[in-house]
Amino acid sequence: MDNAPTTVTANPSGSNQFVTAVWAIVWKDLQIEKQTRQTVSLMVMFSLVTVVMFNFALETELDAARNVSTGLLWATILLAGTLGLNRSLAIERENQNIDAILIAPIDRRAVYVAKVISVTIFTLLLEVVLVFVFIIFFNKPFWQPVVLLVLFLGTIGYVAAGVLITSMTMQTRAREVLLPILLMPLVLPLILPAATAVGEMMTAEPDMMIIRSMVSLVAAYDLAILATGLFTYHLVVES
C-alpha cells in the first residue's frame, strides 16, 4: 500500500485536515465503546474486584490499608490501564479498523493523537469511579484538586507511552505478554513522582515544595513521551 504522508502542512487546510482526522478517529472509538461497552466495563470490573479483595485482606489492619492506599491506587490504574490498552487495540485488529485507518491518506500523528485521546478518556472514566471507591473504602481525601491534577497528568503520560508500545506489539503473537513487560519500565519515571505527589497530599501537613517538584517531573515526562510518539509513530505503524 502507499505510505500516507507523515507530515502536516503549515497551511490552515492542513491543520483542519489533521484536526478532522483526530476527531473522526476519536468519535469512532467512542461509538464503538458505546455499542460494545467492552473496554471501560472491563477496566472498572477488574479495578473494583482488586480493591474489594485488597480491602477484605487487610480488614483487620485498617491503618496499614490506608497507608498503602496511594500505591494501590496507582497499581490498580496501571493494571486496569494495560487491560484497556490491550482491549482497545484488539477491537481495532479484530474489525480490521486499523488497516482501514492506515490506508487512509492521513497524517500518522493524527492516529497517535486520536488513540491517546480516546484511551485517556476511557482511563479517566475509570479513575472517576476509583476516586469515589477509594474515598469510601480508605477514608482518604483523594478528591483534592492537586490529587486530581496528578491523576490527570499521570494518565496522559501513561496512555501516551502505552499507545506507542501497544502499536509496536500489536502484530506479535505474544502482545499480551510483551505490553506490560515493555510498558512498566518505561512508565516507572512517571509513576514514582506521581505516587509521591499523591502520597504527600495524603499526609496531615503536605510539603508543597515536594509536590510541585513531583508534578513538574510528571509534566516533563508527558511532554517528552508525547514528543517521542509524535516523531516516531509513523515508523512504528509502518515497520
Protein backbone atom coordinates (compact mmCIF):
# COMPACT_ATOMS: atom_id res chain seq x y z
CA MET A 1 0.00 0.00 0.00
CA ASP A 2 1.08 3.57 -0.49
CA ASN A 3 2.54 5.23 2.53
CA ALA A 4 0.39 8.10 3.81
CA PRO A 5 2.13 11.41 4.37
CA THR A 6 3.76 11.70 7.74
CA THR A 7 3.86 15.47 7.99
CA VAL A 8 1.24 18.13 8.38
CA THR A 9 1.36 21.10 6.06
CA ALA A 10 1.65 24.53 7.60
CA ASN A 11 -1.41 25.95 5.83
CA PRO A 12 -4.81 26.18 7.54
CA SER A 13 -6.23 23.47 5.31
CA GLY A 14 -3.58 21.02 6.50
CA SER A 15 -4.29 21.90 10.13
CA ASN A 16 -8.01 21.44 9.58
CA GLN A 17 -7.41 18.04 8.00
CA PHE A 18 -5.31 17.00 10.99
CA VAL A 19 -7.97 18.04 13.50
CA THR A 20 -10.71 16.44 11.40
CA ALA A 21 -8.80 13.15 11.24
CA VAL A 22 -8.18 13.17 15.00
CA TRP A 23 -11.82 13.90 15.77
CA ALA A 24 -13.06 11.23 13.33
CA ILE A 25 -10.94 8.51 14.95
CA VAL A 26 -11.85 9.61 18.49
CA TRP A 27 -15.55 9.68 17.59
CA LYS A 28 -15.25 6.23 16.04
CA ASP A 29 -13.62 4.86 19.21
CA LEU A 30 -16.30 6.41 21.41
CA GLN A 31 -19.08 4.99 19.27
CA ILE A 32 -17.54 1.50 19.34
CA GLU A 33 -17.25 1.69 23.12
CA LYS A 34 -20.82 2.96 23.39
CA GLN A 35 -22.07 -0.04 21.41
CA THR A 36 -19.85 -2.75 22.87
CA ARG A 37 -19.07 -1.41 26.38
CA GLN A 38 -16.08 -3.75 26.47
CA THR A 39 -13.14 -1.53 27.38
CA VAL A 40 -14.37 0.69 30.22
CA SER A 41 -16.54 -2.03 31.77
CA LEU A 42 -13.61 -4.47 31.76
CA MET A 43 -11.33 -1.92 33.40
CA VAL A 44 -13.90 -0.95 36.03
CA MET A 45 -14.79 -4.53 36.96
CA PHE A 46 -11.14 -5.53 37.28
CA SER A 47 -10.41 -2.48 39.42
CA LEU A 48 -13.38 -3.00 41.72
CA VAL A 49 -12.51 -6.65 42.29
CA THR A 50 -8.90 -5.70 43.05
CA VAL A 51 -9.86 -3.01 45.56
CA VAL A 52 -12.50 -5.14 47.28
CA MET A 53 -10.15 -8.12 47.61
CA PHE A 54 -7.39 -5.89 49.00
CA ASN A 55 -9.79 -4.25 51.44
CA PHE A 56 -11.01 -7.57 52.80
CA ALA A 57 -7.46 -8.91 53.01
CA LEU A 58 -6.46 -6.01 55.27
CA GLU A 59 -9.79 -5.58 57.03
CA THR A 60 -8.21 -6.14 60.44
CA GLU A 61 -5.32 -3.77 59.61
CA LEU A 62 -7.23 -0.68 58.56
CA ASP A 63 -4.32 1.68 59.26
CA ALA A 64 -2.00 -0.41 57.11
CA ALA A 65 -4.53 -0.40 54.29
CA ARG A 66 -4.81 3.39 54.45
CA ASN A 67 -1.03 3.79 54.43
CA VAL A 68 -0.64 1.85 51.19
CA SER A 69 -3.82 3.14 49.54
CA THR A 70 -1.87 5.53 47.29
CA GLY A 71 0.31 2.73 45.94
CA LEU A 72 -2.76 0.54 45.47
CA LEU A 73 -4.49 3.31 43.52
CA TRP A 74 -1.64 3.64 41.02
CA ALA A 75 -1.13 -0.13 40.80
CA THR A 76 -4.82 -0.57 40.00
CA ILE A 77 -4.71 2.17 37.37
CA LEU A 78 -1.63 0.63 35.75
CA LEU A 79 -3.05 -2.89 35.62
CA ALA A 80 -6.52 -1.82 34.51
CA GLY A 81 -4.99 0.60 32.00
CA THR A 82 -2.96 -2.22 30.48
CA LEU A 83 -6.15 -4.24 30.04
CA GLY A 84 -7.80 -1.22 28.44
CA LEU A 85 -4.93 -0.65 26.03
CA ASN A 86 -4.92 -4.30 25.00
CA ARG A 87 -8.67 -4.39 24.55
CA SER A 88 -8.90 -1.10 22.70
CA LEU A 89 -6.41 -2.09 20.02
CA ALA A 90 -7.67 -5.68 19.96
CA ILE A 91 -11.03 -4.34 18.79
CA GLU A 92 -9.23 -2.38 16.06
CA ARG A 93 -7.41 -5.53 14.96
CA GLU A 94 -10.48 -7.80 15.06
CA ASN A 95 -12.59 -5.42 12.98
CA GLN A 96 -9.64 -4.54 10.70
CA ASN A 97 -10.23 -0.89 11.55
CA ILE A 98 -6.53 -0.25 11.97
CA ASP A 99 -5.86 -1.41 8.39
CA ALA A 100 -8.50 0.97 7.05
CA ILE A 101 -7.03 3.83 9.09
CA LEU A 102 -3.50 3.16 7.84
CA ILE A 103 -4.69 3.02 4.23
CA ALA A 104 -6.37 6.39 4.57
CA PRO A 105 -4.24 9.34 3.38
CA ILE A 106 -3.97 10.97 6.80
CA ASP A 107 -1.06 12.01 8.94
CA ARG A 108 0.13 9.14 11.13
CA ARG A 109 0.48 11.59 14.00
CA ALA A 110 -3.26 12.18 13.84
CA VAL A 111 -3.78 8.46 14.51
CA TYR A 112 -1.46 8.61 17.51
CA VAL A 113 -3.06 11.72 18.99
CA ALA A 114 -6.55 10.29 18.47
CA LYS A 115 -5.73 6.99 20.16
CA VAL A 116 -4.12 8.82 23.08
CA ILE A 117 -7.24 10.97 23.49
CA SER A 118 -9.72 8.10 23.29
CA VAL A 119 -7.84 5.76 25.65
CA THR A 120 -7.24 8.68 28.03
CA ILE A 121 -10.99 9.30 28.13
CA PHE A 122 -11.62 5.63 28.96
CA THR A 123 -8.97 5.68 31.69
CA LEU A 124 -10.27 8.92 33.20
CA LEU A 125 -13.75 7.40 33.41
CA LEU A 126 -12.21 4.52 35.33
CA GLU A 127 -10.42 6.93 37.66
CA VAL A 128 -13.66 8.78 38.45
CA VAL A 129 -15.04 5.50 39.77
CA LEU A 130 -11.79 4.66 41.57
CA VAL A 131 -11.60 8.01 43.37
CA PHE A 132 -15.08 7.51 44.83
CA VAL A 133 -14.29 3.90 45.76
CA PHE A 134 -11.02 4.83 47.47
CA ILE A 135 -12.66 7.67 49.39
CA ILE A 136 -15.30 5.25 50.68
CA PHE A 137 -13.01 2.30 51.45
CA PHE A 138 -9.95 4.12 52.78
CA ASN A 139 -11.36 7.44 54.02
CA LYS A 140 -8.61 9.46 52.34
CA PRO A 141 -9.02 12.87 50.63
CA PHE A 142 -8.46 11.71 47.05
CA TRP A 143 -10.94 14.39 45.94
CA GLN A 144 -8.39 17.19 46.41
CA PRO A 145 -7.68 19.25 43.25
CA VAL A 146 -3.94 18.56 43.37
CA VAL A 147 -4.58 14.81 43.51
CA LEU A 148 -6.98 15.02 40.57
CA LEU A 149 -4.42 17.08 38.63
CA VAL A 150 -1.70 14.48 39.23
CA LEU A 151 -4.06 11.69 38.19
CA PHE A 152 -4.91 13.59 35.01
CA LEU A 153 -1.30 14.32 34.09
CA GLY A 154 -0.18 10.82 35.00
CA THR A 155 -2.91 9.31 32.86
CA ILE A 156 -1.86 11.31 29.81
CA GLY A 157 1.77 10.19 30.11
CA TYR A 158 0.86 6.59 30.81
CA VAL A 159 -1.55 6.36 27.88
CA ALA A 160 0.85 8.17 25.52
CA ALA A 161 3.53 5.59 26.30
CA GLY A 162 1.01 2.75 26.24
CA VAL A 163 -0.36 3.57 22.79
CA LEU A 164 3.18 3.69 21.40
CA ILE A 165 4.15 0.33 22.92
CA THR A 166 0.81 -1.30 22.07
CA SER A 167 1.18 -0.27 18.43
CA MET A 168 4.67 -1.79 18.40
CA THR A 169 3.48 -5.13 19.79
CA MET A 170 0.09 -5.30 18.03
CA GLN A 171 1.28 -7.61 15.25
CA THR A 172 3.17 -10.01 17.52
CA ARG A 173 1.72 -13.24 18.88
CA ALA A 174 2.82 -12.55 22.45
CA ARG A 175 1.42 -9.00 22.51
CA GLU A 176 -0.50 -9.53 25.79
CA VAL A 177 2.77 -10.53 27.49
CA LEU A 178 5.05 -8.03 25.77
CA LEU A 179 2.91 -4.99 26.55
CA PRO A 180 3.35 -4.97 30.36
CA ILE A 181 6.98 -6.12 30.09
CA LEU A 182 7.88 -3.18 27.83
CA LEU A 183 5.47 -0.62 29.26
CA MET A 184 6.06 -0.89 33.00
CA PRO A 185 9.79 0.03 32.94
CA LEU A 186 9.02 2.87 30.52
CA VAL A 187 6.41 4.48 32.78
CA LEU A 188 8.35 3.99 36.02
CA PRO A 189 9.84 7.53 35.84
CA LEU A 190 6.25 8.78 35.62
CA ILE A 191 4.63 6.66 38.32
CA LEU A 192 7.24 7.27 41.02
CA PRO A 193 6.85 11.08 41.17
CA ALA A 194 3.08 10.83 40.62
CA ALA A 195 2.67 8.40 43.51
CA THR A 196 4.98 10.54 45.65
CA ALA A 197 2.89 13.64 45.00
CA VAL A 198 -0.40 11.90 45.79
CA GLY A 199 1.09 10.25 48.87
CA GLU A 200 2.36 13.61 50.12
CA MET A 201 -1.13 15.08 49.73
CA MET A 202 -2.49 12.33 51.97
CA THR A 203 -0.32 13.46 54.90
CA ALA A 204 -1.52 15.78 57.65
CA GLU A 205 0.86 18.57 56.59
CA PRO A 206 1.82 18.12 52.92
CA ASP A 207 5.06 19.69 51.74
CA MET A 208 4.01 21.78 48.74
CA MET A 209 7.63 22.16 47.60
CA ILE A 210 7.92 18.40 47.15
CA ILE A 211 4.52 18.23 45.49
CA ARG A 212 5.37 20.99 43.00
CA SER A 213 8.65 19.34 42.05
CA MET A 214 6.93 15.96 41.58
CA VAL A 215 4.17 17.48 39.45
CA SER A 216 6.85 19.20 37.34
CA LEU A 217 8.53 15.82 36.74
CA VAL A 218 5.22 14.29 35.71
CA ALA A 219 4.51 17.16 33.30
CA ALA A 220 8.03 16.92 31.84
CA TYR A 221 7.56 13.20 31.27
CA ASP A 222 4.26 13.87 29.49
CA LEU A 223 5.89 16.35 27.12
CA ALA A 224 8.82 14.04 26.43
CA ILE A 225 6.74 10.93 25.71
CA LEU A 226 4.20 12.83 23.60
CA ALA A 227 7.01 14.36 21.53
CA THR A 228 8.59 10.92 21.11
CA GLY A 229 5.28 9.45 19.97
CA LEU A 230 4.60 12.23 17.50
CA PHE A 231 8.04 11.92 15.89
CA THR A 232 8.23 8.11 15.82
CA TYR A 233 4.67 6.80 15.46
CA HIS A 234 4.81 6.64 11.68
CA LEU A 235 7.90 4.42 11.96
CA VAL A 236 6.12 2.17 14.46
CA VAL A 237 2.99 1.53 12.40
CA GLU A 238 4.78 1.23 9.07
CA SER A 239 7.57 -1.10 10.20
